[in-house]
């Protein structure tokens, strides 16, 4: 009886974790936010499967979008943050980036 209760509780807890869409911070790089000029923000996202595939170039895409929003094509004080939300088989990666146009 006790062994069955432990197995059931473990399975329920495992299902809750898998179905909850947990958010994990996998990486981030932060720079000084000071600076004069217009602040620009972008967000890009892509998916991976079973942690076997991950999106290629997601950070580079965010950085190029930042540069394209600045008239002079130069940014300073760039900050990027990558987050991953996980569902049973699929992971959704999001990169948020902020910078100041020069």
N, C-alpha and C. Protein backbone atom coordinates (compact mmCIF):
# COMPACT_ATOMS: atom_id res chain seq x y z
N UNK A 1 0.82 -1.19 0.00
CA UNK A 1 0.00 0.00 0.00
C UNK A 1 0.86 1.25 0.00
N UNK A 2 1.86 1.29 0.91
CA UNK A 2 2.72 2.46 1.01
C UNK A 2 3.56 2.61 -0.27
N UNK A 3 4.06 1.50 -0.81
CA UNK A 3 4.86 1.53 -2.02
C UNK A 3 4.04 2.04 -3.20
N UNK A 4 2.79 1.61 -3.28
CA UNK A 4 1.89 2.04 -4.35
C UNK A 4 1.60 3.54 -4.24
N UNK A 5 1.44 4.03 -3.03
CA UNK A 5 1.18 5.45 -2.82
C UNK A 5 2.38 6.30 -3.25
N UNK A 6 3.59 5.82 -2.95
CA UNK A 6 4.80 6.55 -3.34
C UNK A 6 4.93 6.58 -4.85
N UNK A 7 4.67 5.44 -5.51
CA UNK A 7 4.74 5.40 -6.98
C UNK A 7 3.72 6.34 -7.61
N UNK A 8 2.50 6.35 -7.08
CA UNK A 8 1.46 7.22 -7.61
C UNK A 8 1.82 8.69 -7.42
N UNK A 9 2.31 9.03 -6.25
CA UNK A 9 2.70 10.43 -5.98
C UNK A 9 3.85 10.85 -6.89
N UNK A 10 4.80 9.96 -7.12
CA UNK A 10 5.92 10.27 -8.00
C UNK A 10 5.45 10.48 -9.43
N UNK A 11 4.54 9.64 -9.90
CA UNK A 11 4.02 9.78 -11.26
C UNK A 11 3.22 11.08 -11.41
N UNK A 12 2.42 11.42 -10.42
CA UNK A 12 1.63 12.66 -10.48
C UNK A 12 2.56 13.87 -10.49
N UNK A 13 3.56 13.85 -9.63
CA UNK A 13 4.52 14.96 -9.59
C UNK A 13 5.26 15.07 -10.92
N UNK A 14 5.67 13.95 -11.48
CA UNK A 14 6.36 13.95 -12.76
C UNK A 14 5.49 14.51 -13.88
N UNK A 15 4.23 14.12 -13.91
CA UNK A 15 3.31 14.65 -14.91
C UNK A 15 3.09 16.14 -14.75
N UNK A 16 2.97 16.60 -13.53
CA UNK A 16 2.79 18.04 -13.28
C UNK A 16 3.98 18.82 -13.80
N UNK A 17 5.18 18.32 -13.57
CA UNK A 17 6.38 19.02 -14.02
C UNK A 17 6.45 19.02 -15.54
N UNK A 18 6.14 17.89 -16.17
CA UNK A 18 6.22 17.81 -17.63
C UNK A 18 5.16 18.65 -18.32
N UNK A 19 4.00 18.77 -17.75
CA UNK A 19 2.90 19.48 -18.40
C UNK A 19 2.83 20.96 -18.02
N UNK A 20 3.67 21.39 -17.12
CA UNK A 20 3.54 22.75 -16.62
C UNK A 20 4.13 23.80 -17.54
N UNK A 21 4.98 23.42 -18.47
CA UNK A 21 5.63 24.41 -19.32
C UNK A 21 6.65 25.20 -18.53
N UNK A 22 7.56 24.51 -17.88
CA UNK A 22 8.57 25.14 -17.03
C UNK A 22 9.43 26.11 -17.84
N UNK A 23 9.85 27.19 -17.22
CA UNK A 23 10.71 28.16 -17.86
C UNK A 23 12.09 28.06 -17.22
N UNK A 24 13.11 27.92 -18.03
CA UNK A 24 14.48 27.82 -17.55
C UNK A 24 15.31 28.91 -18.22
N UNK A 25 16.11 29.60 -17.44
CA UNK A 25 17.06 30.55 -18.00
C UNK A 25 18.31 29.77 -18.35
N UNK A 26 18.62 29.66 -19.62
CA UNK A 26 19.76 28.88 -20.05
C UNK A 26 21.02 29.73 -20.17
N UNK A 27 20.87 30.96 -20.59
CA UNK A 27 22.05 31.80 -20.72
C UNK A 27 21.61 33.26 -20.76
N UNK A 28 22.52 34.11 -20.37
CA UNK A 28 22.25 35.53 -20.51
C UNK A 28 23.57 36.28 -20.51
N UNK A 29 23.57 37.41 -21.16
CA UNK A 29 24.72 38.30 -21.10
C UNK A 29 24.18 39.71 -20.94
N UNK A 30 24.71 40.42 -20.00
CA UNK A 30 24.17 41.73 -19.68
C UNK A 30 25.29 42.76 -19.70
N UNK A 31 25.00 43.89 -20.29
CA UNK A 31 25.95 45.00 -20.35
C UNK A 31 25.34 46.20 -19.65
N UNK A 32 26.11 47.24 -19.51
CA UNK A 32 25.65 48.48 -18.89
C UNK A 32 24.51 49.06 -19.71
N UNK A 33 23.45 49.53 -19.06
CA UNK A 33 22.29 50.05 -19.78
C UNK A 33 22.36 51.54 -20.03
N UNK A 34 23.43 52.19 -19.64
CA UNK A 34 23.51 53.63 -19.85
C UNK A 34 23.69 53.96 -21.32
N UNK A 35 23.56 55.20 -21.65
CA UNK A 35 23.80 55.63 -23.02
C UNK A 35 22.71 56.57 -23.49
N UNK A 36 23.08 57.44 -24.43
CA UNK A 36 22.12 58.37 -25.00
C UNK A 36 21.65 57.81 -26.33
N UNK A 37 20.43 58.02 -26.64
CA UNK A 37 19.89 57.55 -27.90
C UNK A 37 18.60 56.77 -27.68
N UNK A 38 18.06 56.31 -28.79
CA UNK A 38 16.80 55.59 -28.77
C UNK A 38 17.02 54.15 -28.33
N UNK A 39 16.20 53.67 -27.41
CA UNK A 39 16.27 52.28 -26.98
C UNK A 39 15.44 51.43 -27.94
N UNK A 40 16.03 50.32 -28.39
CA UNK A 40 15.32 49.40 -29.28
C UNK A 40 15.24 48.04 -28.60
N UNK A 41 14.14 47.34 -28.85
CA UNK A 41 13.91 46.02 -28.26
C UNK A 41 13.42 45.06 -29.34
N UNK A 42 13.88 43.82 -29.27
CA UNK A 42 13.39 42.78 -30.17
C UNK A 42 13.24 41.48 -29.38
N UNK A 43 12.45 40.60 -29.94
CA UNK A 43 12.27 39.27 -29.37
C UNK A 43 12.16 38.28 -30.51
N UNK A 44 12.94 37.21 -30.46
CA UNK A 44 12.86 36.15 -31.46
C UNK A 44 12.66 34.82 -30.75
N UNK A 45 12.10 33.87 -31.46
CA UNK A 45 11.87 32.57 -30.86
C UNK A 45 11.92 31.46 -31.88
N UNK A 46 12.22 30.28 -31.40
CA UNK A 46 12.25 29.08 -32.23
C UNK A 46 12.15 27.87 -31.31
N UNK A 47 11.99 26.70 -31.89
CA UNK A 47 11.76 25.52 -31.07
C UNK A 47 12.85 24.47 -31.23
N UNK A 48 12.93 23.58 -30.27
CA UNK A 48 13.79 22.41 -30.32
C UNK A 48 12.97 21.20 -29.91
N UNK A 49 13.49 20.02 -30.20
CA UNK A 49 12.77 18.78 -29.90
C UNK A 49 13.63 17.87 -29.05
N UNK A 50 13.10 17.46 -27.91
CA UNK A 50 13.73 16.50 -27.00
C UNK A 50 15.16 16.88 -26.59
N UNK A 51 15.49 18.12 -26.59
CA UNK A 51 16.84 18.59 -26.28
C UNK A 51 17.87 18.04 -27.26
N UNK A 52 17.42 17.44 -28.35
CA UNK A 52 18.33 16.92 -29.36
C UNK A 52 18.60 17.94 -30.45
N UNK A 53 17.61 18.79 -30.70
CA UNK A 53 17.79 19.87 -31.67
C UNK A 53 17.56 21.19 -30.96
N UNK A 54 18.37 22.15 -31.30
CA UNK A 54 18.21 23.49 -30.75
C UNK A 54 18.24 24.48 -31.92
N UNK A 55 17.61 25.62 -31.75
CA UNK A 55 17.58 26.59 -32.84
C UNK A 55 18.98 27.15 -33.11
N UNK A 56 19.32 27.23 -34.38
CA UNK A 56 20.61 27.82 -34.77
C UNK A 56 20.41 29.29 -35.12
N UNK A 57 21.30 30.12 -34.65
CA UNK A 57 21.31 31.51 -35.06
C UNK A 57 20.23 32.37 -34.45
N UNK A 58 19.61 31.95 -33.37
CA UNK A 58 18.52 32.73 -32.78
C UNK A 58 19.05 34.03 -32.16
N UNK A 59 20.23 33.96 -31.53
CA UNK A 59 20.82 35.17 -30.94
C UNK A 59 21.30 36.11 -32.03
N UNK A 60 21.91 35.56 -33.08
CA UNK A 60 22.37 36.38 -34.19
C UNK A 60 21.20 37.08 -34.88
N UNK A 61 20.06 36.38 -34.99
CA UNK A 61 18.88 37.00 -35.59
C UNK A 61 18.39 38.18 -34.76
N UNK A 62 18.39 38.01 -33.45
CA UNK A 62 17.98 39.11 -32.56
C UNK A 62 18.93 40.29 -32.70
N UNK A 63 20.23 40.02 -32.74
CA UNK A 63 21.21 41.11 -32.88
C UNK A 63 21.07 41.84 -34.21
N UNK A 64 20.84 41.11 -35.29
CA UNK A 64 20.69 41.78 -36.58
C UNK A 64 19.41 42.60 -36.64
N UNK A 65 18.36 42.13 -35.95
CA UNK A 65 17.12 42.92 -35.88
C UNK A 65 17.33 44.20 -35.09
N UNK A 66 18.14 44.13 -34.03
CA UNK A 66 18.46 45.34 -33.27
C UNK A 66 19.15 46.37 -34.16
N UNK A 67 20.16 45.91 -34.90
CA UNK A 67 20.93 46.81 -35.77
C UNK A 67 20.04 47.40 -36.85
N UNK A 68 19.13 46.60 -37.39
CA UNK A 68 18.27 47.09 -38.47
C UNK A 68 17.29 48.16 -37.99
N UNK A 69 17.01 48.21 -36.69
CA UNK A 69 16.09 49.22 -36.17
C UNK A 69 16.77 50.57 -35.94
N UNK A 70 18.09 50.60 -35.99
CA UNK A 70 18.82 51.86 -35.78
C UNK A 70 19.17 52.45 -37.13
N UNK A 71 18.92 53.73 -37.28
CA UNK A 71 19.15 54.39 -38.55
C UNK A 71 20.62 54.34 -38.96
N UNK A 72 21.51 54.55 -38.01
CA UNK A 72 22.94 54.52 -38.32
C UNK A 72 23.52 53.12 -38.37
N UNK A 73 22.76 52.12 -37.96
CA UNK A 73 23.23 50.75 -37.99
C UNK A 73 24.21 50.39 -36.89
N UNK A 74 24.29 51.25 -35.85
CA UNK A 74 25.20 50.97 -34.74
C UNK A 74 24.41 50.95 -33.44
N UNK A 75 24.74 49.97 -32.59
CA UNK A 75 24.10 49.88 -31.29
C UNK A 75 25.17 49.80 -30.21
N UNK A 76 24.79 50.19 -29.02
CA UNK A 76 25.68 50.10 -27.88
C UNK A 76 24.88 49.56 -26.69
N UNK A 77 25.59 49.10 -25.67
CA UNK A 77 24.97 48.60 -24.44
C UNK A 77 23.92 47.52 -24.71
N UNK A 78 24.26 46.60 -25.58
CA UNK A 78 23.32 45.52 -25.93
C UNK A 78 23.20 44.52 -24.79
N UNK A 79 21.99 44.08 -24.56
CA UNK A 79 21.70 43.06 -23.55
C UNK A 79 20.87 41.97 -24.22
N UNK A 80 21.26 40.73 -24.03
CA UNK A 80 20.48 39.62 -24.56
C UNK A 80 20.15 38.66 -23.43
N UNK A 81 19.00 38.05 -23.54
CA UNK A 81 18.57 37.09 -22.53
C UNK A 81 17.84 35.95 -23.23
N UNK A 82 18.29 34.72 -22.98
CA UNK A 82 17.64 33.57 -23.58
C UNK A 82 16.88 32.79 -22.50
N UNK A 83 15.64 32.48 -22.82
CA UNK A 83 14.81 31.67 -21.91
C UNK A 83 14.29 30.48 -22.69
N UNK A 84 14.05 29.39 -21.97
CA UNK A 84 13.50 28.20 -22.60
C UNK A 84 12.27 27.76 -21.83
N UNK A 85 11.21 27.53 -22.54
CA UNK A 85 9.99 26.99 -21.95
C UNK A 85 9.85 25.56 -22.46
N UNK A 86 9.62 24.63 -21.56
CA UNK A 86 9.63 23.23 -21.93
C UNK A 86 8.26 22.60 -21.76
N UNK A 87 7.83 21.92 -22.81
CA UNK A 87 6.68 21.05 -22.75
C UNK A 87 7.18 19.64 -23.03
N UNK A 88 6.38 18.66 -22.89
CA UNK A 88 6.80 17.26 -22.86
C UNK A 88 7.91 16.95 -23.86
N UNK A 89 7.71 17.20 -25.12
CA UNK A 89 8.69 16.84 -26.14
C UNK A 89 9.36 18.05 -26.78
N UNK A 90 8.75 19.20 -26.64
CA UNK A 90 9.19 20.38 -27.38
C UNK A 90 9.68 21.45 -26.41
N UNK A 91 10.76 22.13 -26.79
CA UNK A 91 11.26 23.26 -26.03
C UNK A 91 11.13 24.50 -26.91
N UNK A 92 10.62 25.58 -26.34
CA UNK A 92 10.49 26.85 -27.05
C UNK A 92 11.54 27.80 -26.50
N UNK A 93 12.45 28.25 -27.35
CA UNK A 93 13.52 29.15 -26.96
C UNK A 93 13.15 30.57 -27.37
N UNK A 94 13.34 31.51 -26.48
CA UNK A 94 13.06 32.92 -26.75
C UNK A 94 14.29 33.74 -26.40
N UNK A 95 14.68 34.64 -27.30
CA UNK A 95 15.77 35.57 -27.03
C UNK A 95 15.17 36.98 -27.04
N UNK A 96 15.32 37.68 -25.93
CA UNK A 96 14.92 39.08 -25.83
C UNK A 96 16.19 39.91 -25.82
N UNK A 97 16.22 40.95 -26.62
CA UNK A 97 17.40 41.80 -26.72
C UNK A 97 17.00 43.27 -26.63
N UNK A 98 17.84 44.04 -25.97
CA UNK A 98 17.64 45.48 -25.81
C UNK A 98 18.99 46.16 -26.09
N UNK A 99 18.94 47.28 -26.78
CA UNK A 99 20.16 48.04 -27.05
C UNK A 99 19.80 49.51 -27.22
N UNK A 100 20.83 50.34 -27.24
CA UNK A 100 20.66 51.78 -27.46
C UNK A 100 21.30 52.14 -28.78
N UNK A 101 20.55 52.83 -29.65
CA UNK A 101 21.10 53.26 -30.93
C UNK A 101 22.13 54.37 -30.72
N UNK A 102 23.21 54.32 -31.50
CA UNK A 102 24.22 55.37 -31.44
C UNK A 102 23.94 56.42 -32.47
